PDB file of N, CA and C in Angstrom:
ATOM      1  N   MET A   1      34.915 127.276  23.782  1.00  0.00           N
ATOM      2  CA  MET A   1      35.079 125.825  23.804  1.00  0.00           C
ATOM      3  C   MET A   1      36.524 125.450  23.478  1.00  0.00           C
ATOM      4  N   LEU A   2      37.024 126.044  22.403  1.00  0.00           N
ATOM      5  CA  LEU A   2      38.408 125.751  22.021  1.00  0.00           C
ATOM      6  C   LEU A   2      39.368 126.182  23.118  1.00  0.00           C
ATOM      7  N   ASN A   3      39.094 127.352  23.697  1.00  0.00           N
ATOM      8  CA  ASN A   3      39.960 127.865  24.757  1.00  0.00           C
ATOM      9  C   ASN A   3      39.979 126.895  25.935  1.00  0.00           C
ATOM     10  N   THR A   4      38.799 126.409  26.319  1.00  0.00           N
ATOM     11  CA  THR A   4      38.721 125.489  27.451  1.00  0.00           C
ATOM     12  C   THR A   4      39.467 124.196  27.137  1.00  0.00           C
ATOM     13  N   LYS A   5      39.276 123.689  25.918  1.00  0.00           N
ATOM     14  CA  LYS A   5      39.943 122.447  25.526  1.00  0.00           C
ATOM     15  C   LYS A   5      41.453 122.637  25.564  1.00  0.00           C
ATOM     16  N   GLY A   6      41.905 123.784  25.082  1.00  0.00           N
ATOM     17  CA  GLY A   6      43.336 124.058  25.075  1.00  0.00           C
ATOM     18  C   GLY A   6      43.880 124.105  26.498  1.00  0.00           C
ATOM     19  N   LYS A   7      43.115 124.706  27.394  1.00  0.00           N
ATOM     20  CA  LYS A   7      43.555 124.830  28.780  1.00  0.00           C
ATOM     21  C   LYS A   7      43.627 123.441  29.427  1.00  0.00           C
ATOM     22  N   LEU A   8      42.623 122.631  29.158  1.00  0.00           N
ATOM     23  CA  LEU A   8      42.608 121.280  29.731  1.00  0.00           C
ATOM     24  C   LEU A   8      43.790 120.478  29.204  1.00  0.00           C
ATOM     25  N   TYR A   9      44.063 120.631  27.894  1.00  0.00           N
ATOM     26  CA  TYR A   9      45.182 119.905  27.290  1.00  0.00           C
ATOM     27  C   TYR A   9      46.495 120.346  27.921  1.00  0.00           C
ATOM     28  N   GLU A  10      46.615 121.644  28.158  1.00  0.00           N
ATOM     29  CA  GLU A  10      47.848 122.165  28.762  1.00  0.00           C
ATOM     30  C   GLU A  10      48.009 121.587  30.170  1.00  0.00           C
ATOM     31  N   ASN A  11      46.902 121.538  30.915  1.00  0.00           N
ATOM     32  CA  ASN A  11      46.953 120.996  32.270  1.00  0.00           C
ATOM     33  C   ASN A  11      47.352 119.523  32.226  1.00  0.00           C
ATOM     34  N   TYR A  12      46.833 118.814  31.218  1.00  0.00           N
ATOM     35  CA  TYR A  12      47.157 117.395  31.078  1.00  0.00           C
ATOM     36  C   TYR A  12      48.655 117.216  30.824  1.00  0.00           C
ATOM     37  N   LEU A  13      49.202 118.054  29.953  1.00  0.00           N
ATOM     38  CA  LEU A  13      50.632 117.963  29.651  1.00  0.00           C
ATOM     39  C   LEU A  13      51.454 118.252  30.899  1.00  0.00           C
ATOM     40  N   LYS A  14      51.018 119.232  31.665  1.00  0.00           N
ATOM     41  CA  LYS A  14      51.754 119.582  32.895  1.00  0.00           C
ATOM     42  C   LYS A  14      51.707 118.417  33.870  1.00  0.00           C
ATOM     43  N   THR A  15      50.548 117.776  33.983  1.00  0.00           N
ATOM     44  CA  THR A  15      50.415 116.631  34.886  1.00  0.00           C
ATOM     45  C   THR A  15      51.324 115.496  34.431  1.00  0.00           C
ATOM     46  N   ALA A  16      51.351 115.256  33.127  1.00  0.00           N
ATOM     47  CA  ALA A  16      52.187 114.177  32.589  1.00  0.00           C
ATOM     48  C   ALA A  16      53.650 114.476  32.908  1.00  0.00           C
ATOM     49  N   CYS A  17      54.033 115.741  32.830  1.00  0.00           N
ATOM     50  CA  CYS A  17      55.426 116.124  33.120  1.00  0.00           C
ATOM     51  C   CYS A  17      55.741 115.819  34.581  1.00  0.00           C
ATOM     52  N   PHE A  18      54.795 116.148  35.464  1.00  0.00           N
ATOM     53  CA  PHE A  18      55.024 115.912  36.892  1.00  0.00           C
ATOM     54  C   PHE A  18      55.099 114.423  37.178  1.00  0.00           C
ATOM     55  N   LEU A  19      54.254 113.643  36.480  1.00  0.00           N
ATOM     56  CA  LEU A  19      54.246 112.196  36.710  1.00  0.00           C
ATOM     57  C   LEU A  19      55.554 111.610  36.176  1.00  0.00           C
TER      58      LEU A  19
END
């Protein structure tokens, strides 16, 4: 669960960077 949450958070940060 923690691993998945961390991965989602990382993806969110990457998306924010692209935006």
